[in-house]
C-alpha atoms as a PDB file:
ATOM      1  CA  MET A   1     105.077 129.009  25.609  1.00  0.00           C
ATOM      2  CA  ASN A   2     104.580 130.203  22.074  1.00  0.00           C
ATOM      3  CA  SER A   3     101.308 128.814  20.870  1.00  0.00           C
ATOM      4  CA  ILE A   4      99.024 131.627  19.477  1.00  0.00           C
ATOM      5  CA  ASP A   5      95.909 129.894  20.698  1.00  0.00           C
ATOM      6  CA  VAL A   6      97.077 129.860  24.158  1.00  0.00           C
ATOM      7  CA  VAL A   7      97.918 133.485  24.354  1.00  0.00           C
ATOM      8  CA  GLY A   8      95.218 134.725  22.234  1.00  0.00           C
ATOM      9  CA  ILE A   9      92.147 132.375  23.008  1.00  0.00           C
ATOM     10  CA  TRP A  10      92.475 130.523  26.072  1.00  0.00           C
ATOM     11  CA  LEU A  11      94.556 132.833  28.258  1.00  0.00           C
ATOM     12  CA  LEU A  12      93.290 135.979  27.094  1.00  0.00           C
ATOM     13  CA  LYS A  13      89.676 135.282  28.035  1.00  0.00           C
ATOM     14  CA  ALA A  14      90.913 133.804  31.513  1.00  0.00           C
ATOM     15  CA  LYS A  15      92.460 137.118  32.100  1.00  0.00           C
ATOM     16  CA  ALA A  16      89.311 138.996  30.852  1.00  0.00           C
ATOM     17  CA  MET A  17      87.384 137.108  33.257  1.00  0.00           C
ATOM     18  CA  PHE A  18      89.648 137.832  35.876  1.00  0.00           C
ATOM     19  CA  SER A  19      89.438 141.510  35.162  1.00  0.00           C
ATOM     20  CA  GLU A  20      85.842 141.669  34.684  1.00  0.00           C
ATOM     21  CA  LYS A  21      84.547 139.243  37.374  1.00  0.00           C
ATOM     22  CA  LYS A  22      82.195 137.584  34.521  1.00  0.00           C
ATOM     23  CA  ILE A  23      82.016 134.882  32.200  1.00  0.00           C
ATOM     24  CA  VAL A  24      80.445 137.137  29.466  1.00  0.00           C
ATOM     25  CA  THR A  25      83.063 139.550  29.126  1.00  0.00           C
ATOM     26  CA  SER A  26      83.455 142.707  26.386  1.00  0.00           C
ATOM     27  CA  VAL A  27      86.292 140.794  25.076  1.00  0.00           C
ATOM     28  CA  LEU A  28      83.603 138.135  23.675  1.00  0.00           C
ATOM     29  CA  LYS A  29      81.717 141.180  22.061  1.00  0.00           C
ATOM     30  CA  ASN A  30      84.464 143.345  20.585  1.00  0.00           C
ATOM     31  CA  PRO A  31      85.211 142.928  17.052  1.00  0.00           C
ATOM     32  CA  LYS A  32      89.084 143.478  17.657  1.00  0.00           C
ATOM     33  CA  TYR A  33      89.114 140.444  19.328  1.00  0.00           C
ATOM     34  CA  SER A  34      87.635 138.196  16.785  1.00  0.00           C
ATOM     35  CA  TYR A  35      90.894 136.198  16.159  1.00  0.00           C
ATOM     36  CA  SER A  36      90.212 134.998  19.597  1.00  0.00           C
ATOM     37  CA  HIS A  37      87.108 132.834  18.327  1.00  0.00           C
ATOM     38  CA  PRO A  38      84.646 134.307  20.939  1.00  0.00           C
ATOM     39  CA  GLN A  39      82.246 131.478  20.044  1.00  0.00           C
ATOM     40  CA  TYR A  40      84.438 128.878  21.626  1.00  0.00           C
ATOM     41  CA  PRO A  41      83.046 127.186  24.960  1.00  0.00           C
ATOM     42  CA  PRO A  42      83.985 128.667  28.097  1.00  0.00           C
ATOM     43  CA  SER A  43      85.610 125.694  30.550  1.00  0.00           C
ATOM     44  CA  LEU A  44      89.073 126.259  29.782  1.00  0.00           C
ATOM     45  CA  PRO A  45      89.128 129.997  30.458  1.00  0.00           C
ATOM     46  CA  PHE A  46      86.902 129.407  33.303  1.00  0.00           C
ATOM     47  CA  LEU A  47      89.747 127.168  34.853  1.00  0.00           C
ATOM     48  CA  GLY A  48      92.370 129.946  34.255  1.00  0.00           C
ATOM     49  CA  TRP A  49      90.219 132.562  35.678  1.00  0.00           C
ATOM     50  CA  GLY A  50      89.926 130.158  38.858  1.00  0.00           C
ATOM     51  CA  VAL A  51      93.481 129.809  38.987  1.00  0.00           C
ATOM     52  CA  TYR A  52      94.432 133.511  38.818  1.00  0.00           C
ATOM     53  CA  GLU A  53      91.446 133.974  41.870  1.00  0.00           C
ATOM     54  CA  SER A  54      93.442 131.433  43.720  1.00  0.00           C
ATOM     55  CA  GLY A  55      96.469 133.155  43.757  1.00  0.00           C
ATOM     56  CA  GLY A  56      95.066 136.618  43.570  1.00  0.00           C
ATOM     57  CA  ARG A  57      96.930 137.744  40.676  1.00  0.00           C
ATOM     58  CA  ILE A  58      97.558 136.873  36.899  1.00  0.00           C
ATOM     59  CA  ASP A  59     100.246 134.317  36.786  1.00  0.00           C
ATOM     60  CA  GLU A  60     100.539 132.362  33.724  1.00  0.00           C
ATOM     61  CA  ARG A  61     102.782 129.610  35.294  1.00  0.00           C
ATOM     62  CA  ARG A  62     100.409 128.790  37.810  1.00  0.00           C
ATOM     63  CA  VAL A  63      97.921 127.585  35.043  1.00  0.00           C
ATOM     64  CA  LEU A  64     100.595 126.174  33.012  1.00  0.00           C
ATOM     65  CA  LEU A  65     101.890 123.760  35.937  1.00  0.00           C
ATOM     66  CA  ILE A  66      98.782 122.051  35.619  1.00  0.00           C
ATOM     67  CA  TYR A  67      99.490 120.236  32.224  1.00  0.00           C
ATOM     68  CA  PRO A  68     102.485 118.131  33.486  1.00  0.00           C
ATOM     69  CA  ALA A  69      99.630 116.484  35.883  1.00  0.00           C
ATOM     70  CA  VAL A  70      97.448 115.951  33.135  1.00  0.00           C
ATOM     71  CA  TYR A  71     100.185 114.009  31.168  1.00  0.00           C
ATOM     72  CA  ALA A  72     100.891 112.062  33.823  1.00  0.00           C
ATOM     73  CA  ALA A  73      97.085 111.189  34.259  1.00  0.00           C
ATOM     74  CA  ILE A  74      96.881 110.307  30.590  1.00  0.00           C
ATOM     75  CA  LEU A  75      99.957 107.845  30.903  1.00  0.00           C
ATOM     76  CA  THR A  76      98.224 106.296  33.846  1.00  0.00           C
ATOM     77  CA  LEU A  77      94.936 105.840  32.119  1.00  0.00           C
ATOM     78  CA  THR A  78      96.970 104.470  28.964  1.00  0.00           C
ATOM     79  CA  TYR A  79      98.541 101.938  31.050  1.00  0.00           C
ATOM     80  CA  GLY A  80      95.267 101.013  32.704  1.00  0.00           C
ATOM     81  CA  VAL A  81      93.701 100.407  29.236  1.00  0.00           C
ATOM     82  CA  MET A  82      96.733  98.039  28.042  1.00  0.00           C
ATOM     83  CA  ARG A  83      96.220  96.230  31.111  1.00  0.00           C
ATOM     84  CA  LYS A  84      92.376  95.879  30.539  1.00  0.00           C
ATOM     85  CA  LEU A  85      93.181  94.541  27.190  1.00  0.00           C
ATOM     86  CA  ASN A  86      95.317  91.905  28.748  1.00  0.00           C
ATOM     87  CA  TRP A  87      98.833  92.899  28.063  1.00  0.00           C
ATOM     88  CA  GLY A  88     101.475  91.763  30.825  1.00  0.00           C
ATOM     89  CA  GLN A  89     102.818  94.192  33.104  1.00  0.00           C
ATOM     90  CA  THR A  90     106.117  95.028  30.685  1.00  0.00           C
ATOM     91  CA  GLU A  91     104.433  95.073  27.536  1.00  0.00           C
ATOM     92  CA  SER A  92     102.114  97.711  28.873  1.00  0.00           C
ATOM     93  CA  LEU A  93     104.750  99.769  30.081  1.00  0.00           C
ATOM     94  CA  ALA A  94     106.497  99.773  26.889  1.00  0.00           C
ATOM     95  CA  LEU A  95     103.190 100.493  24.892  1.00  0.00           C
ATOM     96  CA  THR A  96     102.681 103.279  27.344  1.00  0.00           C
ATOM     97  CA  TYR A  97     106.209 104.653  26.600  1.00  0.00           C
ATOM     98  CA  MET A  98     105.697 104.532  23.136  1.00  0.00           C
ATOM     99  CA  TYR A  99     102.419 106.561  23.319  1.00  0.00           C
ATOM    100  CA  SER A 100     104.142 109.094  25.638  1.00  0.00           C
ATOM    101  CA  MET A 101     106.711 109.982  22.887  1.00  0.00           C
ATOM    102  CA  PHE A 102     103.980 111.290  20.613  1.00  0.00           C
ATOM    103  CA  SER A 103     104.935 114.778  19.724  1.00  0.00           C
ATOM    104  CA  PRO A 104     101.459 116.762  20.067  1.00  0.00           C
ATOM    105  CA  LEU A 105     101.154 114.998  23.420  1.00  0.00           C
ATOM    106  CA  LEU A 106     104.460 116.094  24.666  1.00  0.00           C
ATOM    107  CA  ALA A 107     104.254 119.562  23.278  1.00  0.00           C
ATOM    108  CA  GLN A 108     100.939 120.101  25.268  1.00  0.00           C
ATOM    109  CA  ALA A 109     102.134 118.355  28.527  1.00  0.00           C
ATOM    110  CA  GLY A 110     104.564 121.311  29.158  1.00  0.00           C
ATOM    111  CA  ARG A 111     106.546 122.288  26.224  1.00  0.00           C
ATOM    112  CA  LYS A 112     105.896 125.172  23.836  1.00  0.00           C
ATOM    113  CA  GLN A 113     102.237 124.211  23.623  1.00  0.00           C
ATOM    114  CA  ALA A 114     101.310 123.944  27.142  1.00  0.00           C
ATOM    115  CA  GLY A 115      97.697 125.757  27.852  1.00  0.00           C
ATOM    116  CA  ASN A 116      95.776 124.434  24.954  1.00  0.00           C
ATOM    117  CA  ALA A 117      92.570 122.361  25.102  1.00  0.00           C
ATOM    118  CA  ASP A 118      93.283 119.290  23.092  1.00  0.00           C
ATOM    119  CA  ILE A 119      95.278 117.654  25.792  1.00  0.00           C
ATOM    120  CA  TRP A 120      92.184 117.459  28.135  1.00  0.00           C
ATOM    121  CA  LEU A 121      89.806 116.043  25.334  1.00  0.00           C
ATOM    122  CA  THR A 122      92.795 113.538  25.375  1.00  0.00           C
ATOM    123  CA  LEU A 123      92.434 112.773  29.220  1.00  0.00           C
ATOM    124  CA  ILE A 124      88.628 112.523  28.820  1.00  0.00           C
ATOM    125  CA  TYR A 125      88.521 110.015  26.247  1.00  0.00           C
ATOM    126  CA  TRP A 126      91.221 107.911  27.995  1.00  0.00           C
ATOM    127  CA  ALA A 127      88.844 107.971  30.730  1.00  0.00           C
ATOM    128  CA  MET A 128      85.794 106.626  28.586  1.00  0.00           C
ATOM    129  CA  LEU A 129      88.160 103.788  27.246  1.00  0.00           C
ATOM    130  CA  PHE A 130      89.163 102.865  30.823  1.00  0.00           C
ATOM    131  CA  LEU A 131      85.784 102.486  31.935  1.00  0.00           C
ATOM    132  CA  PHE A 132      84.378 100.553  29.098  1.00  0.00           C
ATOM    133  CA  PHE A 133      87.246  98.236  29.161  1.00  0.00           C
ATOM    134  CA  ALA A 134      86.922  97.971  33.160  1.00  0.00           C
ATOM    135  CA  GLY A 135      83.649  96.546  32.274  1.00  0.00           C
ATOM    136  CA  LYS A 136      81.811  98.609  34.729  1.00  0.00           C
ATOM    137  CA  THR A 137      78.450  99.055  32.543  1.00  0.00           C
ATOM    138  CA  GLY A 138      75.863  99.682  35.087  1.00  0.00           C
ATOM    139  CA  LYS A 139      76.329 103.382  35.289  1.00  0.00           C
ATOM    140  CA  LEU A 140      78.719 103.786  32.145  1.00  0.00           C
ATOM    141  CA  ARG A 141      76.199 105.682  29.824  1.00  0.00           C
ATOM    142  CA  ARG A 142      75.584 108.144  32.244  1.00  0.00           C
ATOM    143  CA  VAL A 143      79.409 108.669  33.268  1.00  0.00           C
ATOM    144  CA  VAL A 144      80.021 108.879  29.774  1.00  0.00           C
ATOM    145  CA  ALA A 145      77.544 111.376  28.877  1.00  0.00           C
ATOM    146  CA  LEU A 146      79.078 113.657  31.678  1.00  0.00           C
ATOM    147  CA  LEU A 147      82.411 113.315  30.335  1.00  0.00           C
ATOM    148  CA  SER A 148      81.098 114.005  26.682  1.00  0.00           C
ATOM    149  CA  GLY A 149      79.163 117.145  27.627  1.00  0.00           C
ATOM    150  CA  ALA A 150      82.629 118.415  29.650  1.00  0.00           C
ATOM    151  CA  ALA A 151      84.303 117.670  26.388  1.00  0.00           C
ATOM    152  CA  ALA A 152      81.806 119.742  24.388  1.00  0.00           C
ATOM    153  CA  LEU A 153      82.298 122.521  26.961  1.00  0.00           C
ATOM    154  CA  ILE A 154      86.249 122.458  26.421  1.00  0.00           C
ATOM    155  CA  LYS A 155      86.314 122.497  22.777  1.00  0.00           C
ATOM    156  CA  THR A 156      83.156 122.110  20.352  1.00  0.00           C
ATOM    157  CA  GLU A 157      84.244 118.954  18.465  1.00  0.00           C
ATOM    158  CA  GLY A 158      84.157 117.408  22.105  1.00  0.00           C
ATOM    159  CA  ILE A 159      80.400 116.965  21.202  1.00  0.00           C
ATOM    160  CA  LEU A 160      81.368 114.218  18.642  1.00  0.00           C
ATOM    161  CA  SER A 161      82.379 112.021  21.507  1.00  0.00           C
ATOM    162  CA  ALA A 162      78.968 111.525  22.323  1.00  0.00           C
ATOM    163  CA  ALA A 163      78.903 108.818  19.831  1.00  0.00           C
ATOM    164  CA  ALA A 164      80.391 106.572  22.293  1.00  0.00           C
ATOM    165  CA  ILE A 165      77.304 106.456  24.094  1.00  0.00           C
ATOM    166  CA  LEU A 166      75.722 104.440  21.264  1.00  0.00           C
ATOM    167  CA  PHE A 167      78.223 101.690  21.270  1.00  0.00           C
ATOM    168  CA  ILE A 168      77.702 100.720  24.790  1.00  0.00           C
ATOM    169  CA  PRO A 169      75.928  97.585  25.334  1.00  0.00           C
ATOM    170  CA  GLY A 170      72.300  98.173  26.562  1.00  0.00           C
ATOM    171  CA  LYS A 171      68.697  99.240  25.560  1.00  0.00           C
ATOM    172  CA  ARG A 172      68.153 101.591  22.760  1.00  0.00           C
ATOM    173  CA  ASN A 173      65.995 103.935  24.551  1.00  0.00           C
ATOM    174  CA  ASP A 174      68.453 104.358  27.274  1.00  0.00           C
ATOM    175  CA  LYS A 175      71.313 104.896  24.655  1.00  0.00           C
ATOM    176  CA  LEU A 176      69.324 107.809  22.994  1.00  0.00           C
ATOM    177  CA  ILE A 177      68.415 109.406  26.554  1.00  0.00           C
ATOM    178  CA  TRP A 178      71.964 109.670  27.453  1.00  0.00           C
ATOM    179  CA  THR A 179      73.186 110.637  24.000  1.00  0.00           C
ATOM    180  CA  ALA A 180      70.612 113.366  24.503  1.00  0.00           C
ATOM    181  CA  ALA A 181      71.921 114.417  27.964  1.00  0.00           C
ATOM    182  CA  ALA A 182      75.312 114.275  26.292  1.00  0.00           C
ATOM    183  CA  LEU A 183      74.212 116.828  23.851  1.00  0.00           C
ATOM    184  CA  ALA A 184      72.498 119.173  26.442  1.00  0.00           C
ATOM    185  CA  PRO A 185      75.717 121.234  27.525  1.00  0.00           C
ATOM    186  CA  PHE A 186      76.416 122.259  24.108  1.00  0.00           C
ATOM    187  CA  VAL A 187      72.868 123.144  23.018  1.00  0.00           C
ATOM    188  CA  LEU A 188      72.816 125.205  26.275  1.00  0.00           C
ATOM    189  CA  TRP A 189      76.022 127.041  25.322  1.00  0.00           C
ATOM    190  CA  GLU A 190      74.609 127.684  21.831  1.00  0.00           C
ATOM    191  CA  GLY A 191      71.295 129.138  23.481  1.00  0.00           C
ATOM    192  CA  ALA A 192      73.624 131.354  25.702  1.00  0.00           C
ATOM    193  CA  LYS A 193      75.717 132.711  22.944  1.00  0.00           C
ATOM    194  CA  LYS A 194      72.279 133.630  21.084  1.00  0.00           C
ATOM    195  CA  ILE A 195      70.984 135.202  24.459  1.00  0.00           C
ATOM    196  CA  TRP A 196      74.334 137.207  25.197  1.00  0.00           C
ATOM    197  CA  GLY A 197      74.976 138.184  21.749  1.00  0.00           C
ATOM    198  CA  ILE A 198      78.437 136.345  21.147  1.00  0.00           C
ATOM    199  CA  GLU A 199      79.043 136.134  17.264  1.00  0.00           C
ATOM    200  CA  ALA A 200      81.151 133.399  15.799  1.00  0.00           C
ATOM    201  CA  ASP A 201      84.104 134.728  13.757  1.00  0.00           C
ATOM    202  CA  TYR A 202      83.409 131.812  11.115  1.00  0.00           C
ATOM    203  CA  GLY A 203      80.868 129.447  10.652  1.00  0.00           C
ATOM    204  CA  LEU A 204      79.843 126.098   8.126  1.00  0.00           C
ATOM    205  CA  HIS A 205      78.373 126.161   4.830  1.00  0.00           C
ATOM    206  CA  TRP A 206      77.907 123.495   2.196  1.00  0.00           C
ATOM    207  CA  PRO A 207      80.395 124.831  -0.572  1.00  0.00           C
ATOM    208  CA  GLY A 208      78.655 123.045  -3.587  1.00  0.00           C
ATOM    209  CA  ALA A 209      79.708 119.560  -5.039  1.00  0.00           C
ATOM    210  CA  GLY A 210      82.796 120.953  -6.951  1.00  0.00           C
ATOM    211  CA  GLY A 211      84.058 123.227  -3.847  1.00  0.00           C
ATOM    212  CA  GLY A 212      83.391 120.301  -1.297  1.00  0.00           C
ATOM    213  CA  ALA A 213      85.475 117.778  -3.321  1.00  0.00           C
ATOM    214  CA  SER A 214      88.136 120.446  -3.673  1.00  0.00           C
ATOM    215  CA  ARG A 215      88.165 121.180  -0.158  1.00  0.00           C
ATOM    216  CA  ALA A 216      87.819 117.467   0.816  1.00  0.00           C
ATOM    217  CA  ALA A 217      90.899 116.634  -1.007  1.00  0.00           C
ATOM    218  CA  ALA A 218      92.933 119.427   0.381  1.00  0.00           C
ATOM    219  CA  VAL A 219      92.021 117.661   3.734  1.00  0.00           C
ATOM    220  CA  VAL A 220      92.911 114.252   2.785  1.00  0.00           C
ATOM    221  CA  LEU A 221      96.309 115.393   1.423  1.00  0.00           C
ATOM    222  CA  GLY A 222      96.913 117.660   4.305  1.00  0.00           C
ATOM    223  CA  THR A 223      96.318 114.920   6.587  1.00  0.00           C
ATOM    224  CA  ALA A 224      98.526 112.717   5.057  1.00  0.00           C
ATOM    225  CA  LYS A 225     101.606 115.120   4.751  1.00  0.00           C
ATOM    226  CA  GLU A 226     100.987 115.624   8.455  1.00  0.00           C
ATOM    227  CA  MET A 227     100.911 112.133   9.247  1.00  0.00           C
ATOM    228  CA  ALA A 228     103.906 111.263   7.528  1.00  0.00           C
ATOM    229  CA  ASN A 229     106.094 113.872   9.310  1.00  0.00           C
ATOM    230  CA  VAL A 230     108.918 111.829  10.439  1.00  0.00           C
ATOM    231  CA  ARG A 231     110.692 114.270  12.509  1.00  0.00           C
ATOM    232  CA  ASN A 232     107.434 114.472  14.764  1.00  0.00           C
ATOM    233  CA  TRP A 233     106.856 110.878  14.840  1.00  0.00           C
ATOM    234  CA  TYR A 234     103.550 111.341  13.272  1.00  0.00           C
ATOM    235  CA  VAL A 235     105.114 108.297  11.025  1.00  0.00           C
ATOM    236  CA  PHE A 236     103.261 106.357  13.552  1.00  0.00           C
ATOM    237  CA  TRP A 237     100.075 106.974  11.926  1.00  0.00           C
ATOM    238  CA  PRO A 238     100.711 105.584   8.703  1.00  0.00           C
ATOM    239  CA  VAL A 239     102.324 102.704   9.948  1.00  0.00           C
ATOM    240  CA  MET A 240      99.116 102.349  12.248  1.00  0.00           C
ATOM    241  CA  VAL A 241      96.612 102.595   9.338  1.00  0.00           C
ATOM    242  CA  LEU A 242      98.700  99.991   7.241  1.00  0.00           C
ATOM    243  CA  ALA A 243      99.268  97.598  10.151  1.00  0.00           C
ATOM    244  CA  THR A 244      95.645  97.428  11.462  1.00  0.00           C
ATOM    245  CA  ALA A 245      94.146  97.755   7.758  1.00  0.00           C
ATOM    246  CA  GLY A 246      93.984  94.011   7.175  1.00  0.00           C
ATOM    247  CA  GLY A 247      94.740  92.853  10.700  1.00  0.00           C
ATOM    248  CA  LYS A 248      92.263  91.249  13.137  1.00  0.00           C
ATOM    249  CA  VAL A 249      90.934  93.013  16.340  1.00  0.00           C
ATOM    250  CA  LYS A 250      88.952  91.324  19.277  1.00  0.00           C
ATOM    251  CA  GLU A 251      85.080  91.882  19.695  1.00  0.00           C
ATOM    252  CA  ARG A 252      85.516  94.760  22.380  1.00  0.00           C
ATOM    253  CA  PRO A 253      87.862  97.181  20.828  1.00  0.00           C
ATOM    254  CA  ARG A 254      86.004  96.316  17.397  1.00  0.00           C
ATOM    255  CA  GLN A 255      82.558  97.248  18.595  1.00  0.00           C
ATOM    256  CA  PHE A 256      83.767 100.401  20.715  1.00  0.00           C
ATOM    257  CA  ALA A 257      87.205 101.966  20.030  1.00  0.00           C
ATOM    258  CA  LEU A 258      87.061 101.472  16.368  1.00  0.00           C
ATOM    259  CA  PRO A 259      83.521 102.926  15.393  1.00  0.00           C
ATOM    260  CA  VAL A 260      84.160 105.928  17.960  1.00  0.00           C
ATOM    261  CA  LEU A 261      87.325 106.593  16.031  1.00  0.00           C
ATOM    262  CA  LEU A 262      85.499 106.412  12.599  1.00  0.00           C
ATOM    263  CA  ILE A 263      82.812 108.706  13.637  1.00  0.00           C
ATOM    264  CA  MET A 264      84.749 111.176  15.423  1.00  0.00           C
ATOM    265  CA  ALA A 265      87.259 111.375  12.346  1.00  0.00           C
ATOM    266  CA  ALA A 266      84.844 111.742   9.951  1.00  0.00           C
ATOM    267  CA  GLY A 267      82.799 114.507  11.938  1.00  0.00           C
ATOM    268  CA  MET A 268      86.351 116.467  12.320  1.00  0.00           C
ATOM    269  CA  TRP A 269      87.166 116.136   8.590  1.00  0.00           C
ATOM    270  CA  GLY A 270      83.547 117.053   7.505  1.00  0.00           C
ATOM    271  CA  ILE A 271      84.113 120.380   9.651  1.00  0.00           C
ATOM    272  CA  TYR A 272      86.994 121.450   7.784  1.00  0.00           C
ATOM    273  CA  THR A 273      85.255 120.439   4.338  1.00  0.00           C
ATOM    274  CA  MET A 274      82.197 122.780   5.151  1.00  0.00           C
ATOM    275  CA  GLY A 275      84.199 125.598   7.234  1.00  0.00           C
ATOM    276  CA  GLU A 276      84.017 128.871   5.561  1.00  0.00           C
ATOM    277  CA  ILE A 277      87.787 129.449   6.078  1.00  0.00           C
ATOM    278  CA  PRO A 278      90.357 128.276   3.302  1.00  0.00           C
ATOM    279  CA  VAL A 279      91.634 124.822   4.324  1.00  0.00           C
ATOM    280  CA  GLY A 280      95.161 126.232   3.312  1.00  0.00           C
ATOM    281  CA  ASP A 281      94.725 128.772   6.157  1.00  0.00           C
ATOM    282  CA  TYR A 282      94.483 126.645   9.123  1.00  0.00           C
ATOM    283  CA  PHE A 283      94.567 123.144   8.488  1.00  0.00           C
ATOM    284  CA  SER A 284      98.172 122.346   8.657  1.00  0.00           C
ATOM    285  CA  GLY A 285      98.472 124.116  12.014  1.00  0.00           C
ATOM    286  CA  SER A 286      95.677 122.235  13.462  1.00  0.00           C
ATOM    287  CA  THR A 287      96.010 118.642  12.281  1.00  0.00           C
ATOM    288  CA  ASP A 288      98.276 117.590  15.107  1.00  0.00           C
ATOM    289  CA  ARG A 289      96.001 118.755  17.565  1.00  0.00           C
ATOM    290  CA  LEU A 290      92.861 116.519  15.885  1.00  0.00           C
ATOM    291  CA  LEU A 291      95.353 113.684  15.666  1.00  0.00           C
ATOM    292  CA  LEU A 292      96.080 113.899  19.267  1.00  0.00           C
ATOM    293  CA  GLN A 293      92.464 114.067  20.070  1.00  0.00           C
ATOM    294  CA  LEU A 294      92.029 110.852  18.216  1.00  0.00           C
ATOM    295  CA  SER A 295      94.994 108.745  19.325  1.00  0.00           C
ATOM    296  CA  PRO A 296      93.230 107.262  22.661  1.00  0.00           C
ATOM    297  CA  PHE A 297      90.891 105.442  20.409  1.00  0.00           C
ATOM    298  CA  TRP A 298      93.378 104.707  17.710  1.00  0.00           C
ATOM    299  CA  TRP A 299      95.956 103.632  20.156  1.00  0.00           C
ATOM    300  CA  THR A 300      93.894 101.362  21.800  1.00  0.00           C
ATOM    301  CA  VAL A 301      92.826  99.587  18.338  1.00  0.00           C
ATOM    302  CA  PHE A 302      96.474  99.306  17.371  1.00  0.00           C
ATOM    303  CA  ALA A 303      97.476  97.926  20.861  1.00  0.00           C
ATOM    304  CA  GLU A 304      94.850  95.355  20.368  1.00  0.00           C
ATOM    305  CA  TYR A 305      95.993  94.646  16.829  1.00  0.00           C
ATOM    306  CA  LEU A 306      99.449  93.872  17.858  1.00  0.00           C
ATOM    307  CA  LYS A 307      98.222  91.512  20.548  1.00  0.00           C
ATOM    308  CA  VAL A 308      95.945  89.509  18.351  1.00  0.00           C
ATOM    309  CA  ASN A 309      98.446  89.244  15.360  1.00  0.00           C
ATOM    310  CA  ARG A 310     101.745  89.171  17.571  1.00  0.00           C
ATOM    311  CA  ASP A 311     102.659  85.760  15.927  1.00  0.00           C
ATOM    312  CA  THR A 312     102.058  86.689  12.394  1.00  0.00           C
ATOM    313  CA  LEU A 313     104.274  89.894  13.086  1.00  0.00           C
ATOM    314  CA  ALA A 314     106.857  87.754  14.647  1.00  0.00           C
ATOM    315  CA  GLY A 315     106.955  85.550  11.631  1.00  0.00           C
ATOM    316  CA  LEU A 316     107.116  88.559   9.482  1.00  0.00           C
ATOM    317  CA  LEU A 317     110.042  89.873  11.427  1.00  0.00           C
ATOM    318  CA  GLN A 318     111.758  86.540  11.203  1.00  0.00           C
ATOM    319  CA  LYS A 319     111.731  86.384   7.461  1.00  0.00           C
ATOM    320  CA  LEU A 320     112.766  90.116   7.137  1.00  0.00           C
ATOM    321  CA  GLN A 321     115.850  89.301   9.424  1.00  0.00           C
ATOM    322  CA  ARG A 322     116.772  86.403   7.048  1.00  0.00           C
ATOM    323  CA  THR A 323     116.220  88.297   3.856  1.00  0.00           C
ATOM    324  CA  PHE A 324     118.600  91.226   5.225  1.00  0.00           C
END
């Protein structure tokens, strides 16, 4: 374990909760601990607190042992989504294996980044996709609202997943009601921070047209650089972008996974553009985590693209073989 976020944010707060037996600890109000982002939602530290309480002492190993199980659950859902997209058993296993090797996923599953929050959001988003493609639309909006609310209480950007409700077939009023329900936990936490006097160590602001353009350019270039990192398999991302840009995708992924992906990506990159912290100070260290959060939606679109365009791709491969 060598993640500063795990040591200085999630487990630090869990230890404070265990020691003081309450959620609103002195750590959250102490300026000396501002690096631990006191404004972050409490769910993950609360989980760590519960694990410590169950063992009667602080033991990080008991917390970190949860993460391989989360990884296994993610791969189970990934395989399930591939099957729902009508891939055969062998092809679904192959696609799941390819996804399982994504470096940020492996890192948070139990390598050096175990204990972080992003893998939990990845699990939640795969669950959303599985439920959508399973065709259980009757209670789907309320379940997705529950999952989205849980995501927002794990990391703030989890609130963006509420957009998924808007793309579930149904009446507009129902969509608005359940979207509001999904946002409620985030609003409650914001109110609780005001009441308890928990101050944020950074915020958002509009840097002006020139500053916004400069920060946006830094975000785009930084993302491209990370996506082209062959050593960490981020090369998958530019390949996926180029492959799906002009290809066909069937109706269901196009109407759900793709728009949710675009909204979430725009929201994440918009936050970076308007953040008070200089982009260069923290963007390169968090891009892989954002890509991990987006990966369930992008992998679903990519898998469907491969299925729809497999004949075209096979012909292209044959031409390349004859050429070389």
